[in-house]
Amino acid sequence: TNGNRVIFNNKDCHFAYRDSIFKREENKKYFIVAIDFKLRKEGK
């Protein structure tokens, strides 16, 4: 709607089972450009 750049950290995303803040009607204005994934060098 205005070209503003907005970063959402993990908490901002309000993740839930098959859900996030981006599924809400008022937030469908956000075009996702890129995502930072935090991955482990070693893991179980």
ModelCIF file with pLDDT and N, C-alpha, C, O atoms, coordinates in Angstrom:
data_MODEL
#
_entry.id   MODEL 
#
_entity.id                         1 
_entity.type                       polymer 
_entity.pdbx_number_of_molecules   1 
#
_entity_poly.entity_id                      1 
_entity_poly.type                           'polypeptide(L)' 
_entity_poly.nstd_linkage                   no 
_entity_poly.nstd_monomer                   no 
_entity_poly.pdbx_seq_one_letter_code       TNGNRVIFNNKDCHFAYRDSIFKREENKKYFIVAIDFKLRKEGK 
_entity_poly.pdbx_seq_one_letter_code_can   TNGNRVIFNNKDCHFAYRDSIFKREENKKYFIVAIDFKLRKEGK 
_entity_poly.pdbx_strand_id                 A 
#
loop_
_entity_poly_seq.entity_id 
_entity_poly_seq.num 
_entity_poly_seq.mon_id 
_entity_poly_seq.hetero 
1 1  THR n 
1 2  ASN n 
1 3  GLY n 
1 4  ASN n 
1 5  ARG n 
1 6  VAL n 
1 7  ILE n 
1 8  PHE n 
1 9  ASN n 
1 10 ASN n 
1 11 LYS n 
1 12 ASP n 
1 13 CYS n 
1 14 HIS n 
1 15 PHE n 
1 16 ALA n 
1 17 TYR n 
1 18 ARG n 
1 19 ASP n 
1 20 SER n 
1 21 ILE n 
1 22 PHE n 
1 23 LYS n 
1 24 ARG n 
1 25 GLU n 
1 26 GLU n 
1 27 ASN n 
1 28 LYS n 
1 29 LYS n 
1 30 TYR n 
1 31 PHE n 
1 32 ILE n 
1 33 VAL n 
1 34 ALA n 
1 35 ILE n 
1 36 ASP n 
1 37 PHE n 
1 38 LYS n 
1 39 LEU n 
1 40 ARG n 
1 41 LYS n 
1 42 GLU n 
1 43 GLY n 
1 44 LYS n 
#
_struct_asym.id          A 
_struct_asym.entity_id   1 
#
loop_
_ma_qa_metric.id 
_ma_qa_metric.mode 
_ma_qa_metric.name 
_ma_qa_metric.software_group_id 
_ma_qa_metric.type 
1 global pLDDT . pLDDT 
2 local  pLDDT . pLDDT 
#
_ma_qa_metric_global.metric_id      1 
_ma_qa_metric_global.metric_value   93.02 
_ma_qa_metric_global.model_id       1 
_ma_qa_metric_global.ordinal_id     1 
#
loop_
_ma_qa_metric_local.label_asym_id 
_ma_qa_metric_local.label_comp_id 
_ma_qa_metric_local.label_seq_id 
_ma_qa_metric_local.metric_id 
_ma_qa_metric_local.metric_value 
_ma_qa_metric_local.model_id 
_ma_qa_metric_local.ordinal_id 
A THR 1  2 89.00 1 1  
A ASN 2  2 90.00 1 2  
A GLY 3  2 92.00 1 3  
A ASN 4  2 94.00 1 4  
A ARG 5  2 96.00 1 5  
A VAL 6  2 96.00 1 6  
A ILE 7  2 97.00 1 7  
A PHE 8  2 97.00 1 8  
A ASN 9  2 96.00 1 9  
A ASN 10 2 97.00 1 10 
A LYS 11 2 96.00 1 11 
A ASP 12 2 96.00 1 12 
A CYS 13 2 97.00 1 13 
A HIS 14 2 96.00 1 14 
A PHE 15 2 96.00 1 15 
A ALA 16 2 92.00 1 16 
A TYR 17 2 89.00 1 17 
A ARG 18 2 90.00 1 18 
A ASP 19 2 92.00 1 19 
A SER 20 2 95.00 1 20 
A ILE 21 2 95.00 1 21 
A PHE 22 2 95.00 1 22 
A LYS 23 2 90.00 1 23 
A ARG 24 2 88.00 1 24 
A GLU 25 2 82.00 1 25 
A GLU 26 2 82.00 1 26 
A ASN 27 2 82.00 1 27 
A LYS 28 2 86.00 1 28 
A LYS 29 2 91.00 1 29 
A TYR 30 2 95.00 1 30 
A PHE 31 2 96.00 1 31 
A ILE 32 2 97.00 1 32 
A VAL 33 2 97.00 1 33 
A ALA 34 2 97.00 1 34 
A ILE 35 2 98.00 1 35 
A ASP 36 2 97.00 1 36 
A PHE 37 2 97.00 1 37 
A LYS 38 2 96.00 1 38 
A LEU 39 2 96.00 1 39 
A ARG 40 2 95.00 1 40 
A LYS 41 2 93.00 1 41 
A GLU 42 2 90.00 1 42 
A GLY 43 2 86.00 1 43 
A LYS 44 2 89.00 1 44 
#
loop_
_atom_site.group_PDB 
_atom_site.id 
_atom_site.type_symbol 
_atom_site.label_atom_id 
_atom_site.label_alt_id 
_atom_site.label_comp_id 
_atom_site.label_asym_id 
_atom_site.label_entity_id 
_atom_site.label_seq_id 
_atom_site.pdbx_PDB_ins_code 
_atom_site.Cartn_x 
_atom_site.Cartn_y 
_atom_site.Cartn_z 
_atom_site.occupancy 
_atom_site.B_iso_or_equiv 
_atom_site.pdbx_formal_charge 
_atom_site.auth_seq_id 
_atom_site.auth_comp_id 
_atom_site.auth_asym_id 
_atom_site.auth_atom_id 
_atom_site.pdbx_PDB_model_num 
ATOM 1   N N  . THR A 1 1  ? 0.814  -1.223  0.000  1.00 89.00 ? 1  THR A N  1 
ATOM 2   C CA . THR A 1 1  ? 0.000  0.000   0.000  1.00 89.00 ? 1  THR A CA 1 
ATOM 3   C C  . THR A 1 1  ? 0.841  1.263   0.000  1.00 89.00 ? 1  THR A C  1 
ATOM 4   O O  . THR A 1 1  ? 0.363  2.318   -0.418 1.00 89.00 ? 1  THR A O  1 
ATOM 5   N N  . ASN A 1 2  ? 2.099  1.180   0.466  1.00 90.00 ? 2  ASN A N  1 
ATOM 6   C CA . ASN A 1 2  ? 2.915  2.395   0.548  1.00 90.00 ? 2  ASN A CA 1 
ATOM 7   C C  . ASN A 1 2  ? 4.399  2.180   0.231  1.00 90.00 ? 2  ASN A C  1 
ATOM 8   O O  . ASN A 1 2  ? 5.168  3.141   0.207  1.00 90.00 ? 2  ASN A O  1 
ATOM 9   N N  . GLY A 1 3  ? 4.802  0.939   -0.011 1.00 92.00 ? 3  GLY A N  1 
ATOM 10  C CA . GLY A 1 3  ? 6.198  0.667   -0.343 1.00 92.00 ? 3  GLY A CA 1 
ATOM 11  C C  . GLY A 1 3  ? 7.122  0.560   0.841  1.00 92.00 ? 3  GLY A C  1 
ATOM 12  O O  . GLY A 1 3  ? 8.322  0.350   0.662  1.00 92.00 ? 3  GLY A O  1 
ATOM 13  N N  . ASN A 1 4  ? 6.603  0.697   2.058  1.00 94.00 ? 4  ASN A N  1 
ATOM 14  C CA . ASN A 1 4  ? 7.458  0.611   3.235  1.00 94.00 ? 4  ASN A CA 1 
ATOM 15  C C  . ASN A 1 4  ? 8.045  -0.784  3.403  1.00 94.00 ? 4  ASN A C  1 
ATOM 16  O O  . ASN A 1 4  ? 7.390  -1.791  3.135  1.00 94.00 ? 4  ASN A O  1 
ATOM 17  N N  . ARG A 1 5  ? 9.300  -0.817  3.856  1.00 96.00 ? 5  ARG A N  1 
ATOM 18  C CA . ARG A 1 5  ? 9.967  -2.072  4.165  1.00 96.00 ? 5  ARG A CA 1 
ATOM 19  C C  . ARG A 1 5  ? 9.703  -2.428  5.622  1.00 96.00 ? 5  ARG A C  1 
ATOM 20  O O  . ARG A 1 5  ? 9.906  -1.602  6.512  1.00 96.00 ? 5  ARG A O  1 
ATOM 21  N N  . VAL A 1 6  ? 9.256  -3.638  5.867  1.00 96.00 ? 6  VAL A N  1 
ATOM 22  C CA . VAL A 1 6  ? 8.918  -4.046  7.231  1.00 96.00 ? 6  VAL A CA 1 
ATOM 23  C C  . VAL A 1 6  ? 9.524  -5.413  7.521  1.00 96.00 ? 6  VAL A C  1 
ATOM 24  O O  . VAL A 1 6  ? 9.356  -6.352  6.742  1.00 96.00 ? 6  VAL A O  1 
ATOM 25  N N  . ILE A 1 7  ? 10.232 -5.520  8.648  1.00 97.00 ? 7  ILE A N  1 
ATOM 26  C CA . ILE A 1 7  ? 10.804 -6.795  9.076  1.00 97.00 ? 7  ILE A CA 1 
ATOM 27  C C  . ILE A 1 7  ? 9.945  -7.380  10.194 1.00 97.00 ? 7  ILE A C  1 
ATOM 28  O O  . ILE A 1 7  ? 9.571  -6.684  11.138 1.00 97.00 ? 7  ILE A O  1 
ATOM 29  N N  . PHE A 1 8  ? 9.641  -8.662  10.071 1.00 97.00 ? 8  PHE A N  1 
ATOM 30  C CA . PHE A 1 8  ? 8.956  -9.391  11.134 1.00 97.00 ? 8  PHE A CA 1 
ATOM 31  C C  . PHE A 1 8  ? 9.942  -10.397 11.726 1.00 97.00 ? 8  PHE A C  1 
ATOM 32  O O  . PHE A 1 8  ? 10.464 -11.251 11.009 1.00 97.00 ? 8  PHE A O  1 
ATOM 33  N N  . ASN A 1 9  ? 10.197 -10.298 13.026 1.00 96.00 ? 9  ASN A N  1 
ATOM 34  C CA . ASN A 1 9  ? 10.990 -11.355 13.643 1.00 96.00 ? 9  ASN A CA 1 
ATOM 35  C C  . ASN A 1 9  ? 10.075 -12.547 13.927 1.00 96.00 ? 9  ASN A C  1 
ATOM 36  O O  . ASN A 1 9  ? 8.872  -12.482 13.672 1.00 96.00 ? 9  ASN A O  1 
ATOM 37  N N  . ASN A 1 10 ? 10.629 -13.612 14.441 1.00 97.00 ? 10 ASN A N  1 
ATOM 38  C CA . ASN A 1 10 ? 9.848  -14.837 14.635 1.00 97.00 ? 10 ASN A CA 1 
ATOM 39  C C  . ASN A 1 10 ? 8.619  -14.593 15.507 1.00 97.00 ? 10 ASN A C  1 
ATOM 40  O O  . ASN A 1 10 ? 7.529  -15.070 15.193 1.00 97.00 ? 10 ASN A O  1 
ATOM 41  N N  . LYS A 1 11 ? 8.791  -13.865 16.580 1.00 96.00 ? 11 LYS A N  1 
ATOM 42  C CA . LYS A 1 11 ? 7.677  -13.600 17.490 1.00 96.00 ? 11 LYS A CA 1 
ATOM 43  C C  . LYS A 1 11 ? 6.602  -12.758 16.820 1.00 96.00 ? 11 LYS A C  1 
ATOM 44  O O  . LYS A 1 11 ? 5.411  -12.990 17.025 1.00 96.00 ? 11 LYS A O  1 
ATOM 45  N N  . ASP A 1 12 ? 7.018  -11.781 16.018 1.00 96.00 ? 12 ASP A N  1 
ATOM 46  C CA . ASP A 1 12 ? 6.065  -10.914 15.307 1.00 96.00 ? 12 ASP A CA 1 
ATOM 47  C C  . ASP A 1 12 ? 5.138  -11.702 14.386 1.00 96.00 ? 12 ASP A C  1 
ATOM 48  O O  . ASP A 1 12 ? 4.010  -11.284 14.125 1.00 96.00 ? 12 ASP A O  1 
ATOM 49  N N  . CYS A 1 13 ? 5.619  -12.842 13.896 1.00 97.00 ? 13 CYS A N  1 
ATOM 50  C CA . CYS A 1 13 ? 4.861  -13.617 12.908 1.00 97.00 ? 13 CYS A CA 1 
ATOM 51  C C  . CYS A 1 13 ? 3.661  -14.343 13.510 1.00 97.00 ? 13 CYS A C  1 
ATOM 52  O O  . CYS A 1 13 ? 2.779  -14.791 12.777 1.00 97.00 ? 13 CYS A O  1 
ATOM 53  N N  . HIS A 1 14 ? 3.619  -14.464 14.843 1.00 96.00 ? 14 HIS A N  1 
ATOM 54  C CA . HIS A 1 14 ? 2.502  -15.130 15.529 1.00 96.00 ? 14 HIS A CA 1 
ATOM 55  C C  . HIS A 1 14 ? 2.201  -16.494 14.909 1.00 96.00 ? 14 HIS A C  1 
ATOM 56  O O  . HIS A 1 14 ? 1.067  -16.794 14.536 1.00 96.00 ? 14 HIS A O  1 
ATOM 57  N N  . PHE A 1 15 ? 3.235  -17.297 14.813 1.00 96.00 ? 15 PHE A N  1 
ATOM 58  C CA . PHE A 1 15 ? 3.067  -18.611 14.221 1.00 96.00 ? 15 PHE A CA 1 
ATOM 59  C C  . PHE A 1 15 ? 2.188  -19.506 15.081 1.00 96.00 ? 15 PHE A C  1 
ATOM 60  O O  . PHE A 1 15 ? 2.273  -19.489 16.309 1.00 96.00 ? 15 PHE A O  1 
ATOM 61  N N  . ALA A 1 16 ? 1.348  -20.282 14.420 1.00 92.00 ? 16 ALA A N  1 
ATOM 62  C CA . ALA A 1 16 ? 0.540  -21.299 15.066 1.00 92.00 ? 16 ALA A CA 1 
ATOM 63  C C  . ALA A 1 16 ? 0.405  -22.453 14.077 1.00 92.00 ? 16 ALA A C  1 
ATOM 64  O O  . ALA A 1 16 ? 0.980  -22.413 12.990 1.00 92.00 ? 16 ALA A O  1 
ATOM 65  N N  . TYR A 1 17 ? -0.343 -23.465 14.448 1.00 89.00 ? 17 TYR A N  1 
ATOM 66  C CA . TYR A 1 17 ? -0.491 -24.618 13.572 1.00 89.00 ? 17 TYR A CA 1 
ATOM 67  C C  . TYR A 1 17 ? -1.104 -24.201 12.237 1.00 89.00 ? 17 TYR A C  1 
ATOM 68  O O  . TYR A 1 17 ? -2.264 -23.792 12.183 1.00 89.00 ? 17 TYR A O  1 
ATOM 69  N N  . ARG A 1 18 ? -0.333 -24.305 11.174 1.00 90.00 ? 18 ARG A N  1 
ATOM 70  C CA . ARG A 1 18 ? -0.712 -23.935 9.804  1.00 90.00 ? 18 ARG A CA 1 
ATOM 71  C C  . ARG A 1 18 ? -1.272 -22.511 9.740  1.00 90.00 ? 18 ARG A C  1 
ATOM 72  O O  . ARG A 1 18 ? -2.232 -22.233 9.021  1.00 90.00 ? 18 ARG A O  1 
ATOM 73  N N  . ASP A 1 19 ? -0.653 -21.632 10.503 1.00 92.00 ? 19 ASP A N  1 
ATOM 74  C CA . ASP A 1 19 ? -1.171 -20.267 10.579 1.00 92.00 ? 19 ASP A CA 1 
ATOM 75  C C  . ASP A 1 19 ? -0.042 -19.298 10.902 1.00 92.00 ? 19 ASP A C  1 
ATOM 76  O O  . ASP A 1 19 ? 0.984  -19.673 11.470 1.00 92.00 ? 19 ASP A O  1 
ATOM 77  N N  . SER A 1 20 ? -0.261 -18.043 10.524 1.00 95.00 ? 20 SER A N  1 
ATOM 78  C CA . SER A 1 20 ? 0.665  -16.956 10.841 1.00 95.00 ? 20 SER A CA 1 
ATOM 79  C C  . SER A 1 20 ? -0.069 -15.640 10.685 1.00 95.00 ? 20 SER A C  1 
ATOM 80  O O  . SER A 1 20 ? -1.213 -15.598 10.233 1.00 95.00 ? 20 SER A O  1 
ATOM 81  N N  . ILE A 1 21 ? 0.602  -14.573 11.062 1.00 95.00 ? 21 ILE A N  1 
ATOM 82  C CA . ILE A 1 21 ? 0.019  -13.236 10.937 1.00 95.00 ? 21 ILE A CA 1 
ATOM 83  C C  . ILE A 1 21 ? -0.265 -12.885 9.479  1.00 95.00 ? 21 ILE A C  1 
ATOM 84  O O  . ILE A 1 21 ? -1.135 -12.062 9.196  1.00 95.00 ? 21 ILE A O  1 
ATOM 85  N N  . PHE A 1 22 ? 0.458  -13.501 8.565  1.00 95.00 ? 22 PHE A N  1 
ATOM 86  C CA . PHE A 1 22 ? 0.322  -13.166 7.147  1.00 95.00 ? 22 PHE A CA 1 
ATOM 87  C C  . PHE A 1 22 ? -0.955 -13.724 6.517  1.00 95.00 ? 22 PHE A C  1 
ATOM 88  O O  . PHE A 1 22 ? -1.320 -13.327 5.410  1.00 95.00 ? 22 PHE A O  1 
ATOM 89  N N  . LYS A 1 23 ? -1.635 -14.639 7.208  1.00 90.00 ? 23 LYS A N  1 
ATOM 90  C CA . LYS A 1 23 ? -2.885 -15.183 6.681  1.00 90.00 ? 23 LYS A CA 1 
ATOM 91  C C  . LYS A 1 23 ? -4.081 -14.305 7.009  1.00 90.00 ? 23 LYS A C  1 
ATOM 92  O O  . LYS A 1 23 ? -5.160 -14.481 6.442  1.00 90.00 ? 23 LYS A O  1 
ATOM 93  N N  . ARG A 1 24 ? -3.894 -13.357 7.926  1.00 88.00 ? 24 ARG A N  1 
ATOM 94  C CA . ARG A 1 24 ? -4.998 -12.488 8.310  1.00 88.00 ? 24 ARG A CA 1 
ATOM 95  C C  . ARG A 1 24 ? -5.265 -11.467 7.211  1.00 88.00 ? 24 ARG A C  1 
ATOM 96  O O  . ARG A 1 24 ? -4.340 -10.959 6.578  1.00 88.00 ? 24 ARG A O  1 
ATOM 97  N N  . GLU A 1 25 ? -6.516 -11.181 7.001  1.00 82.00 ? 25 GLU A N  1 
ATOM 98  C CA . GLU A 1 25 ? -6.927 -10.350 5.879  1.00 82.00 ? 25 GLU A CA 1 
ATOM 99  C C  . GLU A 1 25 ? -6.221 -9.003  5.862  1.00 82.00 ? 25 GLU A C  1 
ATOM 100 O O  . GLU A 1 25 ? -5.806 -8.526  4.806  1.00 82.00 ? 25 GLU A O  1 
ATOM 101 N N  . GLU A 1 26 ? -6.085 -8.386  7.042  1.00 82.00 ? 26 GLU A N  1 
ATOM 102 C CA . GLU A 1 26 ? -5.490 -7.045  7.098  1.00 82.00 ? 26 GLU A CA 1 
ATOM 103 C C  . GLU A 1 26 ? -3.984 -7.068  6.834  1.00 82.00 ? 26 GLU A C  1 
ATOM 104 O O  . GLU A 1 26 ? -3.381 -6.026  6.581  1.00 82.00 ? 26 GLU A O  1 
ATOM 105 N N  . ASN A 1 27 ? -3.379 -8.255  6.892  1.00 82.00 ? 27 ASN A N  1 
ATOM 106 C CA . ASN A 1 27 ? -1.937 -8.346  6.674  1.00 82.00 ? 27 ASN A CA 1 
ATOM 107 C C  . ASN A 1 27 ? -1.563 -8.948  5.324  1.00 82.00 ? 27 ASN A C  1 
ATOM 108 O O  . ASN A 1 27 ? -0.390 -9.219  5.068  1.00 82.00 ? 27 ASN A O  1 
ATOM 109 N N  . LYS A 1 28 ? -2.546 -9.157  4.467  1.00 86.00 ? 28 LYS A N  1 
ATOM 110 C CA . LYS A 1 28 ? -2.261 -9.691  3.143  1.00 86.00 ? 28 LYS A CA 1 
ATOM 111 C C  . LYS A 1 28 ? -1.652 -8.629  2.228  1.00 86.00 ? 28 LYS A C  1 
ATOM 112 O O  . LYS A 1 28 ? -1.367 -8.884  1.058  1.00 86.00 ? 28 LYS A O  1 
ATOM 113 N N  . LYS A 1 29 ? -1.461 -7.443  2.782  1.00 91.00 ? 29 LYS A N  1 
ATOM 114 C CA . LYS A 1 29 ? -0.803 -6.362  2.026  1.00 91.00 ? 29 LYS A CA 1 
ATOM 115 C C  . LYS A 1 29 ? 0.710  -6.531  2.009  1.00 91.00 ? 29 LYS A C  1 
ATOM 116 O O  . LYS A 1 29 ? 1.403  -5.851  1.253  1.00 91.00 ? 29 LYS A O  1 
ATOM 117 N N  . TYR A 1 30 ? 1.229  -7.440  2.843  1.00 95.00 ? 30 TYR A N  1 
ATOM 118 C CA . TYR A 1 30 ? 2.675  -7.603  2.934  1.00 95.00 ? 30 TYR A CA 1 
ATOM 119 C C  . TYR A 1 30 ? 3.184  -8.605  1.902  1.00 95.00 ? 30 TYR A C  1 
ATOM 120 O O  . TYR A 1 30 ? 2.812  -9.779  1.909  1.00 95.00 ? 30 TYR A O  1 
ATOM 121 N N  . PHE A 1 31 ? 4.037  -8.112  1.024  1.00 96.00 ? 31 PHE A N  1 
ATOM 122 C CA . PHE A 1 31 ? 4.683  -8.946  0.018  1.00 96.00 ? 31 PHE A CA 1 
ATOM 123 C C  . PHE A 1 31 ? 5.985  -9.468  0.614  1.00 96.00 ? 31 PHE A C  1 
ATOM 124 O O  . PHE A 1 31 ? 6.885  -8.685  0.920  1.00 96.00 ? 31 PHE A O  1 
ATOM 125 N N  . ILE A 1 32 ? 6.092  -10.776 0.780  1.00 97.00 ? 32 ILE A N  1 
ATOM 126 C CA . ILE A 1 32 ? 7.296  -11.347 1.376  1.00 97.00 ? 32 ILE A CA 1 
ATOM 127 C C  . ILE A 1 32 ? 8.420  -11.362 0.352  1.00 97.00 ? 32 ILE A C  1 
ATOM 128 O O  . ILE A 1 32 ? 8.298  -11.937 -0.729 1.00 97.00 ? 32 ILE A O  1 
ATOM 129 N N  . VAL A 1 33 ? 9.514  -10.716 0.720  1.00 97.00 ? 33 VAL A N  1 
ATOM 130 C CA . VAL A 1 33 ? 10.666 -10.558 -0.165 1.00 97.00 ? 33 VAL A CA 1 
ATOM 131 C C  . VAL A 1 33 ? 11.705 -11.649 0.082  1.00 97.00 ? 33 VAL A C  1 
ATOM 132 O O  . VAL A 1 33 ? 12.195 -12.273 -0.859 1.00 97.00 ? 33 VAL A O  1 
ATOM 133 N N  . ALA A 1 34 ? 12.033 -11.872 1.340  1.00 97.00 ? 34 ALA A N  1 
ATOM 134 C CA . ALA A 1 34 ? 13.068 -12.844 1.691  1.00 97.00 ? 34 ALA A CA 1 
ATOM 135 C C  . ALA A 1 34 ? 12.856 -13.318 3.118  1.00 97.00 ? 34 ALA A C  1 
ATOM 136 O O  . ALA A 1 34 ? 12.132 -12.696 3.896  1.00 97.00 ? 34 ALA A O  1 
ATOM 137 N N  . ILE A 1 35 ? 13.497 -14.424 3.445  1.00 98.00 ? 35 ILE A N  1 
ATOM 138 C CA . ILE A 1 35 ? 13.376 -15.017 4.772  1.00 98.00 ? 35 ILE A CA 1 
ATOM 139 C C  . ILE A 1 35 ? 14.761 -15.422 5.258  1.00 98.00 ? 35 ILE A C  1 
ATOM 140 O O  . ILE A 1 35 ? 15.552 -15.991 4.506  1.00 98.00 ? 35 ILE A O  1 
ATOM 141 N N  . ASP A 1 36 ? 15.044 -15.125 6.514  1.00 97.00 ? 36 ASP A N  1 
ATOM 142 C CA . ASP A 1 36 ? 16.255 -15.613 7.159  1.00 97.00 ? 36 ASP A CA 1 
ATOM 143 C C  . ASP A 1 36 ? 15.929 -16.895 7.917  1.00 97.00 ? 36 ASP A C  1 
ATOM 144 O O  . ASP A 1 36 ? 15.070 -16.899 8.799  1.00 97.00 ? 36 ASP A O  1 
ATOM 145 N N  . PHE A 1 37 ? 16.608 -17.970 7.576  1.00 97.00 ? 37 PHE A N  1 
ATOM 146 C CA . PHE A 1 37 ? 16.451 -19.244 8.263  1.00 97.00 ? 37 PHE A CA 1 
ATOM 147 C C  . PHE A 1 37 ? 17.665 -19.478 9.157  1.00 97.00 ? 37 PHE A C  1 
ATOM 148 O O  . PHE A 1 37 ? 18.806 -19.332 8.718  1.00 97.00 ? 37 PHE A O  1 
ATOM 149 N N  . LYS A 1 38 ? 17.416 -19.834 10.385 1.00 96.00 ? 38 LYS A N  1 
ATOM 150 C CA . LYS A 1 38 ? 18.485 -20.133 11.328 1.00 96.00 ? 38 LYS A CA 1 
ATOM 151 C C  . LYS A 1 38 ? 18.636 -21.649 11.402 1.00 96.00 ? 38 LYS A C  1 
ATOM 152 O O  . LYS A 1 38 ? 17.811 -22.336 12.005 1.00 96.00 ? 38 LYS A O  1 
ATOM 153 N N  . LEU A 1 39 ? 19.695 -22.162 10.783 1.00 96.00 ? 39 LEU A N  1 
ATOM 154 C CA . LEU A 1 39 ? 19.888 -23.599 10.661 1.00 96.00 ? 39 LEU A CA 1 
ATOM 155 C C  . LEU A 1 39 ? 21.104 -24.052 11.467 1.00 96.00 ? 39 LEU A C  1 
ATOM 156 O O  . LEU A 1 39 ? 22.045 -23.289 11.685 1.00 96.00 ? 39 LEU A O  1 
ATOM 157 N N  . ARG A 1 40 ? 21.062 -25.288 11.894 1.00 95.00 ? 40 ARG A N  1 
ATOM 158 C CA . ARG A 1 40 ? 22.104 -25.821 12.769 1.00 95.00 ? 40 ARG A CA 1 
ATOM 159 C C  . ARG A 1 40 ? 23.220 -26.491 11.961 1.00 95.00 ? 40 ARG A C  1 
ATOM 160 O O  . ARG A 1 40 ? 22.975 -27.130 10.937 1.00 95.00 ? 40 ARG A O  1 
ATOM 161 N N  . LYS A 1 41 ? 24.439 -26.327 12.449 1.00 93.00 ? 41 LYS A N  1 
ATOM 162 C CA . LYS A 1 41 ? 25.566 -27.026 11.829 1.00 93.00 ? 41 LYS A CA 1 
ATOM 163 C C  . LYS A 1 41 ? 25.563 -28.505 12.211 1.00 93.00 ? 41 LYS A C  1 
ATOM 164 O O  . LYS A 1 41 ? 26.009 -29.360 11.446 1.00 93.00 ? 41 LYS A O  1 
ATOM 165 N N  . GLU A 1 42 ? 25.055 -28.786 13.399 1.00 90.00 ? 42 GLU A N  1 
ATOM 166 C CA . GLU A 1 42 ? 24.878 -30.159 13.857 1.00 90.00 ? 42 GLU A CA 1 
ATOM 167 C C  . GLU A 1 42 ? 23.519 -30.239 14.530 1.00 90.00 ? 42 GLU A C  1 
ATOM 168 O O  . GLU A 1 42 ? 23.025 -29.240 15.054 1.00 90.00 ? 42 GLU A O  1 
ATOM 169 N N  . GLY A 1 43 ? 22.924 -31.394 14.521 1.00 86.00 ? 43 GLY A N  1 
ATOM 170 C CA . GLY A 1 43 ? 21.603 -31.462 15.143 1.00 86.00 ? 43 GLY A CA 1 
ATOM 171 C C  . GLY A 1 43 ? 21.119 -32.879 15.343 1.00 86.00 ? 43 GLY A C  1 
ATOM 172 O O  . GLY A 1 43 ? 21.656 -33.831 14.776 1.00 86.00 ? 43 GLY A O  1 
ATOM 173 N N  . LYS A 1 44 ? 20.089 -32.995 16.166 1.00 89.00 ? 44 LYS A N  1 
ATOM 174 C CA . LYS A 1 44 ? 19.449 -34.271 16.404 1.00 89.00 ? 44 LYS A CA 1 
ATOM 175 C C  . LYS A 1 44 ? 18.347 -34.451 15.381 1.00 89.00 ? 44 LYS A C  1 
ATOM 176 O O  . LYS A 1 44 ? 17.659 -35.472 15.388 1.00 89.00 ? 44 LYS A O  1 
#
